[in-house]
Amino acid sequence: MSLKILHVEDDLDIQEIAKLSLEALGGFTVHQCASGQSALDEVLEFNPDLFLLDVMMPEMSGDTLYTKLKVIPGLENTPAIFMTARAQSKNIAYLKELGALDVILKPFDAMLLPEQITTILAANS
């Protein structure tokens, strides 16, 4: 069974590139949402193994979304990886304090994205 990833990203171009990379190269099953609210509405239906969350989104930031996802029964231990263009160490440290496994910096390399996720998961298992 392939890993099920809930990818939340407001930029449709990034969504398309990530989905193609994660499914075609990584063999993952990907469900995408363009907003935090749609992720909250659809998460239980998809029941992901991993959250892949953009940090800067309108209406609800990725870190706010993650704190809401973590309190949903059955999802408390679902790991998260954040994606952000904010590479400052204090931002990365904050996301890790929230419970993120790691942070992937944007722009990301689509050819390496599945391998990055696999490596992060292996390092944290």
PDB file of N, CA and C in Angstrom:
ATOM      1  N   MET A   1       0.834  -1.190   0.000  1.00  0.00           N
ATOM      2  CA  MET A   1       0.000   0.000   0.000  1.00  0.00           C
ATOM      3  C   MET A   1       0.873   1.246   0.000  1.00  0.00           C
ATOM      4  N   SER A   2       0.512   2.207  -0.825  1.00  0.00           N
ATOM      5  CA  SER A   2       1.335   3.412  -0.904  1.00  0.00           C
ATOM      6  C   SER A   2       0.970   4.400   0.203  1.00  0.00           C
ATOM      7  N   LEU A   3       1.922   5.196   0.559  1.00  0.00           N
ATOM      8  CA  LEU A   3       1.731   6.226   1.572  1.00  0.00           C
ATOM      9  C   LEU A   3       0.713   7.242   1.072  1.00  0.00           C
ATOM     10  N   LYS A   4      -0.245   7.598   1.945  1.00  0.00           N
ATOM     11  CA  LYS A   4      -1.279   8.575   1.585  1.00  0.00           C
ATOM     12  C   LYS A   4      -0.894   9.936   2.160  1.00  0.00           C
ATOM     13  N   ILE A   5      -0.715  10.902   1.254  1.00  0.00           N
ATOM     14  CA  ILE A   5      -0.283  12.240   1.649  1.00  0.00           C
ATOM     15  C   ILE A   5      -1.401  13.242   1.410  1.00  0.00           C
ATOM     16  N   LEU A   6      -1.727  14.011   2.449  1.00  0.00           N
ATOM     17  CA  LEU A   6      -2.625  15.148   2.294  1.00  0.00           C
ATOM     18  C   LEU A   6      -1.743  16.365   2.061  1.00  0.00           C
ATOM     19  N   HIS A   7      -1.807  16.910   0.857  1.00  0.00           N
ATOM     20  CA  HIS A   7      -0.984  18.065   0.490  1.00  0.00           C
ATOM     21  C   HIS A   7      -1.878  19.301   0.461  1.00  0.00           C
ATOM     22  N   VAL A   8      -1.560  20.272   1.293  1.00  0.00           N
ATOM     23  CA  VAL A   8      -2.344  21.503   1.358  1.00  0.00           C
ATOM     24  C   VAL A   8      -1.473  22.653   0.867  1.00  0.00           C
ATOM     25  N   GLU A   9      -1.893  23.247  -0.250  1.00  0.00           N
ATOM     26  CA  GLU A   9      -1.100  24.262  -0.947  1.00  0.00           C
ATOM     27  C   GLU A   9      -2.055  25.146  -1.729  1.00  0.00           C
ATOM     28  N   ASP A  10      -1.949  26.459  -1.555  1.00  0.00           N
ATOM     29  CA  ASP A  10      -2.863  27.375  -2.248  1.00  0.00           C
ATOM     30  C   ASP A  10      -2.435  27.695  -3.674  1.00  0.00           C
ATOM     31  N   ASP A  11      -1.176  27.479  -4.015  1.00  0.00           N
ATOM     32  CA  ASP A  11      -0.683  27.771  -5.365  1.00  0.00           C
ATOM     33  C   ASP A  11      -0.937  26.558  -6.271  1.00  0.00           C
ATOM     34  N   LEU A  12      -1.800  26.739  -7.268  1.00  0.00           N
ATOM     35  CA  LEU A  12      -2.200  25.610  -8.116  1.00  0.00           C
ATOM     36  C   LEU A  12      -1.047  25.050  -8.943  1.00  0.00           C
ATOM     37  N   ASP A  13      -0.098  25.903  -9.359  1.00  0.00           N
ATOM     38  CA  ASP A  13       1.065  25.407 -10.107  1.00  0.00           C
ATOM     39  C   ASP A  13       1.915  24.487  -9.228  1.00  0.00           C
ATOM     40  N   ILE A  14       2.129  24.901  -7.986  1.00  0.00           N
ATOM     41  CA  ILE A  14       2.907  24.069  -7.057  1.00  0.00           C
ATOM     42  C   ILE A  14       2.164  22.769  -6.773  1.00  0.00           C
ATOM     43  N   GLN A  15       0.836  22.855  -6.618  1.00  0.00           N
ATOM     44  CA  GLN A  15       0.034  21.644  -6.412  1.00  0.00           C
ATOM     45  C   GLN A  15       0.277  20.646  -7.534  1.00  0.00           C
ATOM     46  N   GLU A  16       0.178  21.140  -8.761  1.00  0.00           N
ATOM     47  CA  GLU A  16       0.297  20.257  -9.930  1.00  0.00           C
ATOM     48  C   GLU A  16       1.673  19.599  -9.999  1.00  0.00           C
ATOM     49  N   ILE A  17       2.712  20.393  -9.807  1.00  0.00           N
ATOM     50  CA  ILE A  17       4.089  19.869  -9.862  1.00  0.00           C
ATOM     51  C   ILE A  17       4.314  18.842  -8.755  1.00  0.00           C
ATOM     52  N   ALA A  18       3.877  19.174  -7.539  1.00  0.00           N
ATOM     53  CA  ALA A  18       4.082  18.270  -6.395  1.00  0.00           C
ATOM     54  C   ALA A  18       3.328  16.964  -6.592  1.00  0.00           C
ATOM     55  N   LYS A  19       2.087  17.049  -7.043  1.00  0.00           N
ATOM     56  CA  LYS A  19       1.284  15.836  -7.225  1.00  0.00           C
ATOM     57  C   LYS A  19       1.920  14.915  -8.263  1.00  0.00           C
ATOM     58  N   LEU A  20       2.326  15.483  -9.382  1.00  0.00           N
ATOM     59  CA  LEU A  20       2.969  14.707 -10.432  1.00  0.00           C
ATOM     60  C   LEU A  20       4.233  14.033  -9.901  1.00  0.00           C
ATOM     61  N   SER A  21       5.040  14.789  -9.188  1.00  0.00           N
ATOM     62  CA  SER A  21       6.285  14.265  -8.626  1.00  0.00           C
ATOM     63  C   SER A  21       6.014  13.156  -7.611  1.00  0.00           C
ATOM     64  N   LEU A  22       5.113  13.426  -6.671  1.00  0.00           N
ATOM     65  CA  LEU A  22       4.866  12.467  -5.588  1.00  0.00           C
ATOM     66  C   LEU A  22       4.202  11.187  -6.076  1.00  0.00           C
ATOM     67  N   GLU A  23       3.311  11.305  -7.057  1.00  0.00           N
ATOM     68  CA  GLU A  23       2.635  10.103  -7.563  1.00  0.00           C
ATOM     69  C   GLU A  23       3.484   9.353  -8.584  1.00  0.00           C
ATOM     70  N   ALA A  24       4.016  10.074  -9.569  1.00  0.00           N
ATOM     71  CA  ALA A  24       4.754   9.410 -10.652  1.00  0.00           C
ATOM     72  C   ALA A  24       6.126   8.906 -10.197  1.00  0.00           C
ATOM     73  N   LEU A  25       6.836   9.714  -9.426  1.00  0.00           N
ATOM     74  CA  LEU A  25       8.182   9.324  -9.005  1.00  0.00           C
ATOM     75  C   LEU A  25       8.201   8.607  -7.665  1.00  0.00           C
ATOM     76  N   GLY A  26       7.312   9.012  -6.762  1.00  0.00           N
ATOM     77  CA  GLY A  26       7.339   8.462  -5.408  1.00  0.00           C
ATOM     78  C   GLY A  26       6.388   7.308  -5.186  1.00  0.00           C
ATOM     79  N   GLY A  27       5.392   7.170  -6.075  1.00  0.00           N
ATOM     80  CA  GLY A  27       4.411   6.109  -5.903  1.00  0.00           C
ATOM     81  C   GLY A  27       3.436   6.365  -4.761  1.00  0.00           C
ATOM     82  N   PHE A  28       3.352   7.623  -4.302  1.00  0.00           N
ATOM     83  CA  PHE A  28       2.456   7.979  -3.211  1.00  0.00           C
ATOM     84  C   PHE A  28       1.047   8.224  -3.740  1.00  0.00           C
ATOM     85  N   THR A  29       0.069   8.136  -2.863  1.00  0.00           N
ATOM     86  CA  THR A  29      -1.298   8.538  -3.165  1.00  0.00           C
ATOM     87  C   THR A  29      -1.464   9.931  -2.569  1.00  0.00           C
ATOM     88  N   VAL A  30      -1.851  10.888  -3.393  1.00  0.00           N
ATOM     89  CA  VAL A  30      -1.892  12.283  -2.956  1.00  0.00           C
ATOM     90  C   VAL A  30      -3.310  12.843  -3.076  1.00  0.00           C
ATOM     91  N   HIS A  31      -3.758  13.461  -1.998  1.00  0.00           N
ATOM     92  CA  HIS A  31      -5.025  14.209  -2.016  1.00  0.00           C
ATOM     93  C   HIS A  31      -4.651  15.653  -1.746  1.00  0.00           C
ATOM     94  N   GLN A  32      -5.113  16.562  -2.592  1.00  0.00           N
ATOM     95  CA  GLN A  32      -4.725  17.960  -2.439  1.00  0.00           C
ATOM     96  C   GLN A  32      -5.906  18.839  -2.075  1.00  0.00           C
ATOM     97  N   CYS A  33      -5.604  19.849  -1.275  1.00  0.00           N
ATOM     98  CA  CYS A  33      -6.568  20.867  -0.896  1.00  0.00           C
ATOM     99  C   CYS A  33      -5.894  22.225  -1.084  1.00  0.00           C
ATOM    100  N   ALA A  34      -6.672  23.208  -1.504  1.00  0.00           N
ATOM    101  CA  ALA A  34      -6.130  24.543  -1.757  1.00  0.00           C
ATOM    102  C   ALA A  34      -6.259  25.468  -0.560  1.00  0.00           C
ATOM    103  N   SER A  35      -6.896  24.993   0.516  1.00  0.00           N
ATOM    104  CA  SER A  35      -7.033  25.837   1.702  1.00  0.00           C
ATOM    105  C   SER A  35      -7.072  24.969   2.953  1.00  0.00           C
ATOM    106  N   GLY A  36      -6.793  25.615   4.077  1.00  0.00           N
ATOM    107  CA  GLY A  36      -6.860  24.909   5.347  1.00  0.00           C
ATOM    108  C   GLY A  36      -8.256  24.406   5.651  1.00  0.00           C
ATOM    109  N   GLN A  37      -9.269  25.218   5.336  1.00  0.00           N
ATOM    110  CA  GLN A  37     -10.634  24.808   5.632  1.00  0.00           C
ATOM    111  C   GLN A  37     -11.037  23.581   4.813  1.00  0.00           C
ATOM    112  N   SER A  38     -10.667  23.556   3.537  1.00  0.00           N
ATOM    113  CA  SER A  38     -11.014  22.371   2.741  1.00  0.00           C
ATOM    114  C   SER A  38     -10.277  21.144   3.259  1.00  0.00           C
ATOM    115  N   ALA A  39      -9.058  21.321   3.754  1.00  0.00           N
ATOM    116  CA  ALA A  39      -8.321  20.195   4.347  1.00  0.00           C
ATOM    117  C   ALA A  39      -9.059  19.667   5.580  1.00  0.00           C
ATOM    118  N   LEU A  40      -9.534  20.572   6.422  1.00  0.00           N
ATOM    119  CA  LEU A  40     -10.274  20.148   7.617  1.00  0.00           C
ATOM    120  C   LEU A  40     -11.568  19.436   7.226  1.00  0.00           C
ATOM    121  N   ASP A  41     -12.203  19.906   6.162  1.00  0.00           N
ATOM    122  CA  ASP A  41     -13.464  19.305   5.706  1.00  0.00           C
ATOM    123  C   ASP A  41     -13.268  17.914   5.113  1.00  0.00           C
ATOM    124  N   GLU A  42     -12.103  17.669   4.493  1.00  0.00           N
ATOM    125  CA  GLU A  42     -11.894  16.443   3.727  1.00  0.00           C
ATOM    126  C   GLU A  42     -10.941  15.431   4.368  1.00  0.00           C
ATOM    127  N   VAL A  43     -10.262  15.814   5.444  1.00  0.00           N
ATOM    128  CA  VAL A  43      -9.183  14.988   5.979  1.00  0.00           C
ATOM    129  C   VAL A  43      -9.647  13.602   6.437  1.00  0.00           C
ATOM    130  N   LEU A  44     -10.777  13.517   7.103  1.00  0.00           N
ATOM    131  CA  LEU A  44     -11.206  12.217   7.618  1.00  0.00           C
ATOM    132  C   LEU A  44     -11.621  11.267   6.504  1.00  0.00           C
ATOM    133  N   GLU A  45     -12.141  11.825   5.429  1.00  0.00           N
ATOM    134  CA  GLU A  45     -12.518  11.027   4.261  1.00  0.00           C
ATOM    135  C   GLU A  45     -11.282  10.363   3.631  1.00  0.00           C
ATOM    136  N   PHE A  46     -10.176  11.111   3.610  1.00  0.00           N
ATOM    137  CA  PHE A  46      -8.941  10.624   2.986  1.00  0.00           C
ATOM    138  C   PHE A  46      -8.079   9.818   3.958  1.00  0.00           C
ATOM    139  N   ASN A  47      -8.109  10.173   5.241  1.00  0.00           N
ATOM    140  CA  ASN A  47      -7.341   9.499   6.284  1.00  0.00           C
ATOM    141  C   ASN A  47      -5.858   9.341   5.911  1.00  0.00           C
ATOM    142  N   PRO A  48      -5.138  10.465   5.824  1.00  0.00           N
ATOM    143  CA  PRO A  48      -3.746  10.429   5.355  1.00  0.00           C
ATOM    144  C   PRO A  48      -2.764   9.825   6.349  1.00  0.00           C
ATOM    145  N   ASP A  49      -1.633   9.386   5.797  1.00  0.00           N
ATOM    146  CA  ASP A  49      -0.511   8.902   6.606  1.00  0.00           C
ATOM    147  C   ASP A  49       0.467  10.035   6.917  1.00  0.00           C
ATOM    148  N   LEU A  50       0.363  11.127   6.138  1.00  0.00           N
ATOM    149  CA  LEU A  50       1.292  12.249   6.262  1.00  0.00           C
ATOM    150  C   LEU A  50       0.600  13.526   5.815  1.00  0.00           C
ATOM    151  N   PHE A  51       0.868  14.622   6.558  1.00  0.00           N
ATOM    152  CA  PHE A  51       0.437  15.944   6.125  1.00  0.00           C
ATOM    153  C   PHE A  51       1.637  16.641   5.490  1.00  0.00           C
ATOM    154  N   LEU A  52       1.442  17.200   4.297  1.00  0.00           N
ATOM    155  CA  LEU A  52       2.456  18.016   3.635  1.00  0.00           C
ATOM    156  C   LEU A  52       1.818  19.391   3.485  1.00  0.00           C
ATOM    157  N   LEU A  53       2.266  20.341   4.304  1.00  0.00           N
ATOM    158  CA  LEU A  53       1.549  21.602   4.463  1.00  0.00           C
ATOM    159  C   LEU A  53       2.371  22.814   4.069  1.00  0.00           C
ATOM    160  N   ASP A  54       1.769  23.648   3.221  1.00  0.00           N
ATOM    161  CA  ASP A  54       2.336  24.957   2.924  1.00  0.00           C
ATOM    162  C   ASP A  54       2.164  25.810   4.175  1.00  0.00           C
ATOM    163  N   VAL A  55       3.114  26.677   4.456  1.00  0.00           N
ATOM    164  CA  VAL A  55       3.017  27.519   5.647  1.00  0.00           C
ATOM    165  C   VAL A  55       2.183  28.766   5.367  1.00  0.00           C
ATOM    166  N   MET A  56       2.536  29.497   4.331  1.00  0.00           N
ATOM    167  CA  MET A  56       1.879  30.777   4.056  1.00  0.00           C
ATOM    168  C   MET A  56       0.713  30.592   3.092  1.00  0.00           C
ATOM    169  N   MET A  57      -0.491  30.612   3.656  1.00  0.00           N
ATOM    170  CA  MET A  57      -1.707  30.502   2.852  1.00  0.00           C
ATOM    171  C   MET A  57      -2.690  31.551   3.348  1.00  0.00           C
ATOM    172  N   PRO A  58      -3.555  32.044   2.461  1.00  0.00           N
ATOM    173  CA  PRO A  58      -4.571  33.001   2.913  1.00  0.00           C
ATOM    174  C   PRO A  58      -5.588  32.297   3.817  1.00  0.00           C
ATOM    175  N   GLU A  59      -6.226  33.045   4.655  1.00  0.00           N
ATOM    176  CA  GLU A  59      -7.289  32.578   5.553  1.00  0.00           C
ATOM    177  C   GLU A  59      -6.775  31.752   6.725  1.00  0.00           C
ATOM    178  N   MET A  60      -6.004  30.702   6.463  1.00  0.00           N
ATOM    179  CA  MET A  60      -5.485  29.865   7.551  1.00  0.00           C
ATOM    180  C   MET A  60      -4.071  29.418   7.195  1.00  0.00           C
ATOM    181  N   SER A  61      -3.112  29.777   8.043  1.00  0.00           N
ATOM    182  CA  SER A  61      -1.725  29.382   7.790  1.00  0.00           C
ATOM    183  C   SER A  61      -1.545  27.887   8.028  1.00  0.00           C
ATOM    184  N   GLY A  62      -0.481  27.338   7.488  1.00  0.00           N
ATOM    185  CA  GLY A  62      -0.207  25.915   7.650  1.00  0.00           C
ATOM    186  C   GLY A  62       0.007  25.502   9.087  1.00  0.00           C
ATOM    187  N   ASP A  63       0.639  26.375   9.881  1.00  0.00           N
ATOM    188  CA  ASP A  63       0.862  26.023  11.287  1.00  0.00           C
ATOM    189  C   ASP A  63      -0.452  26.011  12.067  1.00  0.00           C
ATOM    190  N   THR A  64      -1.350  26.954  11.772  1.00  0.00           N
ATOM    191  CA  THR A  64      -2.670  26.952  12.406  1.00  0.00           C
ATOM    192  C   THR A  64      -3.448  25.701  12.002  1.00  0.00           C
ATOM    193  N   LEU A  65      -3.393  25.377  10.719  1.00  0.00           N
ATOM    194  CA  LEU A  65      -4.060  24.169  10.225  1.00  0.00           C
ATOM    195  C   LEU A  65      -3.543  22.935  10.961  1.00  0.00           C
ATOM    196  N   TYR A  66      -2.230  22.828  11.103  1.00  0.00           N
ATOM    197  CA  TYR A  66      -1.645  21.658  11.751  1.00  0.00           C
ATOM    198  C   TYR A  66      -2.130  21.515  13.194  1.00  0.00           C
ATOM    199  N   THR A  67      -2.212  22.631  13.927  1.00  0.00           N
ATOM    200  CA  THR A  67      -2.689  22.540  15.308  1.00  0.00           C
ATOM    201  C   THR A  67      -4.150  22.073  15.347  1.00  0.00           C
ATOM    202  N   LYS A  68      -4.941  22.425  14.335  1.00  0.00           N
ATOM    203  CA  LYS A  68      -6.341  21.971  14.273  1.00  0.00           C
ATOM    204  C   LYS A  68      -6.429  20.500  13.858  1.00  0.00           C
ATOM    205  N   LEU A  69      -5.554  20.069  12.948  1.00  0.00           N
ATOM    206  CA  LEU A  69      -5.561  18.670  12.501  1.00  0.00           C
ATOM    207  C   LEU A  69      -5.162  17.730  13.635  1.00  0.00           C
ATOM    208  N   LYS A  70      -4.197  18.164  14.455  1.00  0.00           N
ATOM    209  CA  LYS A  70      -3.658  17.304  15.513  1.00  0.00           C
ATOM    210  C   LYS A  70      -4.673  16.966  16.599  1.00  0.00           C
ATOM    211  N   VAL A  71      -5.751  17.746  16.716  1.00  0.00           N
ATOM    212  CA  VAL A  71      -6.728  17.460  17.767  1.00  0.00           C
ATOM    213  C   VAL A  71      -7.916  16.638  17.257  1.00  0.00           C
ATOM    214  N   ILE A  72      -7.894  16.283  15.988  1.00  0.00           N
ATOM    215  CA  ILE A  72      -8.954  15.443  15.426  1.00  0.00           C
ATOM    216  C   ILE A  72      -8.680  13.986  15.837  1.00  0.00           C
ATOM    217  N   PRO A  73      -9.645  13.334  16.488  1.00  0.00           N
ATOM    218  CA  PRO A  73      -9.436  11.944  16.904  1.00  0.00           C
ATOM    219  C   PRO A  73      -9.012  11.053  15.730  1.00  0.00           C
ATOM    220  N   GLY A  74      -7.939  10.297  15.969  1.00  0.00           N
ATOM    221  CA  GLY A  74      -7.405   9.412  14.943  1.00  0.00           C
ATOM    222  C   GLY A  74      -6.260  10.031  14.159  1.00  0.00           C
ATOM    223  N   LEU A  75      -6.094  11.357  14.253  1.00  0.00           N
ATOM    224  CA  LEU A  75      -5.031  12.033  13.495  1.00  0.00           C
ATOM    225  C   LEU A  75      -3.944  12.606  14.406  1.00  0.00           C
ATOM    226  N   GLU A  76      -4.064  12.379  15.705  1.00  0.00           N
ATOM    227  CA  GLU A  76      -3.138  12.980  16.670  1.00  0.00           C
ATOM    228  C   GLU A  76      -1.681  12.664  16.378  1.00  0.00           C
ATOM    229  N   ASN A  77      -1.425  11.490  15.837  1.00  0.00           N
ATOM    230  CA  ASN A  77      -0.036  11.066  15.606  1.00  0.00           C
ATOM    231  C   ASN A  77       0.365  11.098  14.136  1.00  0.00           C
ATOM    232  N   THR A  78      -0.472  11.690  13.289  1.00  0.00           N
ATOM    233  CA  THR A  78      -0.129  11.787  11.865  1.00  0.00           C
ATOM    234  C   THR A  78       1.012  12.785  11.710  1.00  0.00           C
ATOM    235  N   PRO A  79       2.133  12.360  11.132  1.00  0.00           N
ATOM    236  CA  PRO A  79       3.269  13.268  10.994  1.00  0.00           C
ATOM    237  C   PRO A  79       3.014  14.359   9.958  1.00  0.00           C
ATOM    238  N   ALA A  80       3.760  15.462  10.127  1.00  0.00           N
ATOM    239  CA  ALA A  80       3.644  16.581   9.191  1.00  0.00           C
ATOM    240  C   ALA A  80       5.016  17.036   8.731  1.00  0.00           C
ATOM    241  N   ILE A  81       5.065  17.407   7.466  1.00  0.00           N
ATOM    242  CA  ILE A  81       6.231  18.068   6.884  1.00  0.00           C
ATOM    243  C   ILE A  81       5.705  19.376   6.308  1.00  0.00           C
ATOM    244  N   PHE A  82       6.385  20.464   6.619  1.00  0.00           N
ATOM    245  CA  PHE A  82       5.977  21.763   6.089  1.00  0.00           C
ATOM    246  C   PHE A  82       6.817  22.131   4.879  1.00  0.00           C
ATOM    247  N   MET A  83       6.206  22.929   4.001  1.00  0.00           N
ATOM    248  CA  MET A  83       6.923  23.488   2.854  1.00  0.00           C
ATOM    249  C   MET A  83       6.818  25.005   2.954  1.00  0.00           C
ATOM    250  N   THR A  84       7.955  25.685   2.848  1.00  0.00           N
ATOM    251  CA  THR A  84       7.935  27.136   2.982  1.00  0.00           C
ATOM    252  C   THR A  84       9.090  27.781   2.237  1.00  0.00           C
ATOM    253  N   ALA A  85       8.876  29.033   1.861  1.00  0.00           N
ATOM    254  CA  ALA A  85       9.946  29.828   1.260  1.00  0.00           C
ATOM    255  C   ALA A  85      10.713  30.574   2.355  1.00  0.00           C
ATOM    256  N   ARG A  86      10.182  30.562   3.573  1.00  0.00           N
ATOM    257  CA  ARG A  86      10.834  31.248   4.694  1.00  0.00           C
ATOM    258  C   ARG A  86      11.885  30.337   5.297  1.00  0.00           C
ATOM    259  N   ALA A  87      13.119  30.576   4.923  1.00  0.00           N
ATOM    260  CA  ALA A  87      14.206  29.676   5.307  1.00  0.00           C
ATOM    261  C   ALA A  87      14.894  30.074   6.605  1.00  0.00           C
ATOM    262  N   GLN A  88      14.409  31.124   7.274  1.00  0.00           N
ATOM    263  CA  GLN A  88      15.065  31.554   8.506  1.00  0.00           C
ATOM    264  C   GLN A  88      14.994  30.444   9.550  1.00  0.00           C
ATOM    265  N   SER A  89      16.097  30.282  10.271  1.00  0.00           N
ATOM    266  CA  SER A  89      16.175  29.181  11.238  1.00  0.00           C
ATOM    267  C   SER A  89      15.111  29.303  12.322  1.00  0.00           C
ATOM    268  N   LYS A  90      14.735  30.525  12.729  1.00  0.00           N
ATOM    269  CA  LYS A  90      13.706  30.667  13.770  1.00  0.00           C
ATOM    270  C   LYS A  90      12.352  30.157  13.277  1.00  0.00           C
ATOM    271  N   ASN A  91      12.060  30.341  11.987  1.00  0.00           N
ATOM    272  CA  ASN A  91      10.800  29.831  11.442  1.00  0.00           C
ATOM    273  C   ASN A  91      10.807  28.306  11.414  1.00  0.00           C
ATOM    274  N   ILE A  92      11.911  27.726  11.002  1.00  0.00           N
ATOM    275  CA  ILE A  92      12.040  26.269  10.939  1.00  0.00           C
ATOM    276  C   ILE A  92      11.978  25.684  12.352  1.00  0.00           C
ATOM    277  N   ALA A  93      12.648  26.330  13.305  1.00  0.00           N
ATOM    278  CA  ALA A  93      12.634  25.858  14.691  1.00  0.00           C
ATOM    279  C   ALA A  93      11.215  25.890  15.254  1.00  0.00           C
ATOM    280  N   TYR A  94      10.464  26.944  14.935  1.00  0.00           N
ATOM    281  CA  TYR A  94       9.083  27.062  15.414  1.00  0.00           C
ATOM    282  C   TYR A  94       8.226  25.911  14.879  1.00  0.00           C
ATOM    283  N   LEU A  95       8.366  25.597  13.599  1.00  0.00           N
ATOM    284  CA  LEU A  95       7.575  24.523  12.993  1.00  0.00           C
ATOM    285  C   LEU A  95       7.935  23.168  13.605  1.00  0.00           C
ATOM    286  N   LYS A  96       9.203  22.968  13.895  1.00  0.00           N
ATOM    287  CA  LYS A  96       9.621  21.713  14.528  1.00  0.00           C
ATOM    288  C   LYS A  96       9.111  21.626  15.965  1.00  0.00           C
ATOM    289  N   GLU A  97       9.054  22.776  16.656  1.00  0.00           N
ATOM    290  CA  GLU A  97       8.496  22.791  18.014  1.00  0.00           C
ATOM    291  C   GLU A  97       7.015  22.409  17.997  1.00  0.00           C
ATOM    292  N   LEU A  98       6.321  22.788  16.931  1.00  0.00           N
ATOM    293  CA  LEU A  98       4.908  22.424  16.781  1.00  0.00           C
ATOM    294  C   LEU A  98       4.726  20.917  16.614  1.00  0.00           C
ATOM    295  N   GLY A  99       5.799  20.246  16.155  1.00  0.00           N
ATOM    296  CA  GLY A  99       5.731  18.804  15.967  1.00  0.00           C
ATOM    297  C   GLY A  99       6.058  18.340  14.562  1.00  0.00           C
ATOM    298  N   ALA A 100       6.423  19.273  13.690  1.00  0.00           N
ATOM    299  CA  ALA A 100       6.766  18.893  12.321  1.00  0.00           C
ATOM    300  C   ALA A 100       8.007  18.003  12.303  1.00  0.00           C
ATOM    301  N   LEU A 101       8.001  17.024  11.409  1.00  0.00           N
ATOM    302  CA  LEU A 101       9.183  16.174  11.253  1.00  0.00           C
ATOM    303  C   LEU A 101      10.331  16.970  10.664  1.00  0.00           C
ATOM    304  N   ASP A 102      10.005  17.814   9.694  1.00  0.00           N
ATOM    305  CA  ASP A 102      11.028  18.610   9.027  1.00  0.00           C
ATOM    306  C   ASP A 102      10.353  19.659   8.160  1.00  0.00           C
ATOM    307  N   VAL A 103      11.185  20.457   7.485  1.00  0.00           N
ATOM    308  CA  VAL A 103      10.708  21.522   6.615  1.00  0.00           C
ATOM    309  C   VAL A 103      11.428  21.401   5.280  1.00  0.00           C
ATOM    310  N   ILE A 104      10.655  21.414   4.205  1.00  0.00           N
ATOM    311  CA  ILE A 104      11.217  21.409   2.852  1.00  0.00           C
ATOM    312  C   ILE A 104      11.115  22.834   2.324  1.00  0.00           C
ATOM    313  N   LEU A 105      12.238  23.348   1.866  1.00  0.00           N
ATOM    314  CA  LEU A 105      12.267  24.732   1.409  1.00  0.00           C
ATOM    315  C   LEU A 105      11.797  24.860  -0.035  1.00  0.00           C
ATOM    316  N   LYS A 106      11.059  25.936  -0.293  1.00  0.00           N
ATOM    317  CA  LYS A 106      10.636  26.290  -1.647  1.00  0.00           C
ATOM    318  C   LYS A 106      11.615  27.327  -2.172  1.00  0.00           C
ATOM    319  N   PRO A 107      11.909  27.320  -3.450  1.00  0.00           N
ATOM    320  CA  PRO A 107      11.397  26.350  -4.421  1.00  0.00           C
ATOM    321  C   PRO A 107      12.054  24.985  -4.217  1.00  0.00           C
ATOM    322  N   PHE A 108      11.253  23.927  -4.349  1.00  0.00           N
ATOM    323  CA  PHE A 108      11.767  22.580  -4.167  1.00  0.00           C
ATOM    324  C   PHE A 108      12.081  21.970  -5.533  1.00  0.00           C
ATOM    325  N   ASP A 109      12.894  20.935  -5.534  1.00  0.00           N
ATOM    326  CA  ASP A 109      13.237  20.208  -6.759  1.00  0.00           C
ATOM    327  C   ASP A 109      12.243  19.060  -6.909  1.00  0.00           C
ATOM    328  N   ALA A 110      11.384  19.152  -7.915  1.00  0.00           N
ATOM    329  CA  ALA A 110      10.333  18.148  -8.112  1.00  0.00           C
ATOM    330  C   ALA A 110      10.910  16.750  -8.294  1.00  0.00           C
ATOM    331  N   MET A 111      12.081  16.655  -8.879  1.00  0.00           N
ATOM    332  CA  MET A 111      12.694  15.342  -9.092  1.00  0.00           C
ATOM    333  C   MET A 111      13.158  14.714  -7.777  1.00  0.00           C
ATOM    334  N   LEU A 112      13.418  15.547  -6.777  1.00  0.00           N
ATOM    335  CA  LEU A 112      13.932  15.046  -5.501  1.00  0.00           C
ATOM    336  C   LEU A 112      12.889  15.005  -4.388  1.00  0.00           C
ATOM    337  N   LEU A 113      11.717  15.602  -4.610  1.00  0.00           N
ATOM    338  CA  LEU A 113      10.711  15.711  -3.552  1.00  0.00           C
ATOM    339  C   LEU A 113      10.321  14.364  -2.927  1.00  0.00           C
ATOM    340  N   PRO A 114       9.996  13.333  -3.712  1.00  0.00           N
ATOM    341  CA  PRO A 114       9.630  12.051  -3.082  1.00  0.00           C
ATOM    342  C   PRO A 114      10.766  11.474  -2.229  1.00  0.00           C
ATOM    343  N   GLU A 115      11.986  11.619  -2.721  1.00  0.00           N
ATOM    344  CA  GLU A 115      13.145  11.109  -1.978  1.00  0.00           C
ATOM    345  C   GLU A 115      13.335  11.898  -0.681  1.00  0.00           C
ATOM    346  N   GLN A 116      13.127  13.219  -0.735  1.00  0.00           N
ATOM    347  CA  GLN A 116      13.241  14.036   0.478  1.00  0.00           C
ATOM    348  C   GLN A 116      12.239  13.557   1.525  1.00  0.00           C
ATOM    349  N   ILE A 117      11.009  13.319   1.109  1.00  0.00           N
ATOM    350  CA  ILE A 117       9.964  12.886   2.035  1.00  0.00           C
ATOM    351  C   ILE A 117      10.289  11.507   2.603  1.00  0.00           C
ATOM    352  N   THR A 118      10.717  10.598   1.763  1.00  0.00           N
ATOM    353  CA  THR A 118      11.087   9.255   2.217  1.00  0.00           C
ATOM    354  C   THR A 118      12.236   9.314   3.227  1.00  0.00           C
ATOM    355  N   THR A 119      13.221  10.154   2.952  1.00  0.00           N
ATOM    356  CA  THR A 119      14.380  10.311   3.847  1.00  0.00           C
ATOM    357  C   THR A 119      13.950  10.888   5.196  1.00  0.00           C
ATOM    358  N   ILE A 120      13.085  11.914   5.168  1.00  0.00           N
ATOM    359  CA  ILE A 120      12.598  12.526   6.415  1.00  0.00           C
ATOM    360  C   ILE A 120      11.824  11.493   7.232  1.00  0.00           C
ATOM    361  N   LEU A 121      10.957  10.739   6.590  1.00  0.00           N
ATOM    362  CA  LEU A 121      10.168   9.725   7.303  1.00  0.00           C
ATOM    363  C   LEU A 121      11.062   8.643   7.904  1.00  0.00           C
ATOM    364  N   ALA A 122      12.060   8.198   7.137  1.00  0.00           N
ATOM    365  CA  ALA A 122      12.976   7.160   7.623  1.00  0.00           C
ATOM    366  C   ALA A 122      13.784   7.671   8.822  1.00  0.00           C
ATOM    367  N   ALA A 123      14.185   8.931   8.780  1.00  0.00           N
ATOM    368  CA  ALA A 123      14.984   9.497   9.864  1.00  0.00           C
ATOM    369  C   ALA A 123      14.167   9.667  11.136  1.00  0.00           C
ATOM    370  N   ASN A 124      12.851   9.699  11.012  1.00  0.00           N
ATOM    371  CA  ASN A 124      11.986   9.933  12.163  1.00  0.00           C
ATOM    372  C   ASN A 124      11.186   8.714  12.586  1.00  0.00           C
ATOM    373  N   SER A 125      11.500   7.560  11.988  1.00  0.00           N
ATOM    374  CA  SER A 125      10.695   6.376  12.336  1.00  0.00           C
ATOM    375  C   SER A 125      11.378   5.542  13.414  1.00  0.00           C
TER     376      SER A 125
END
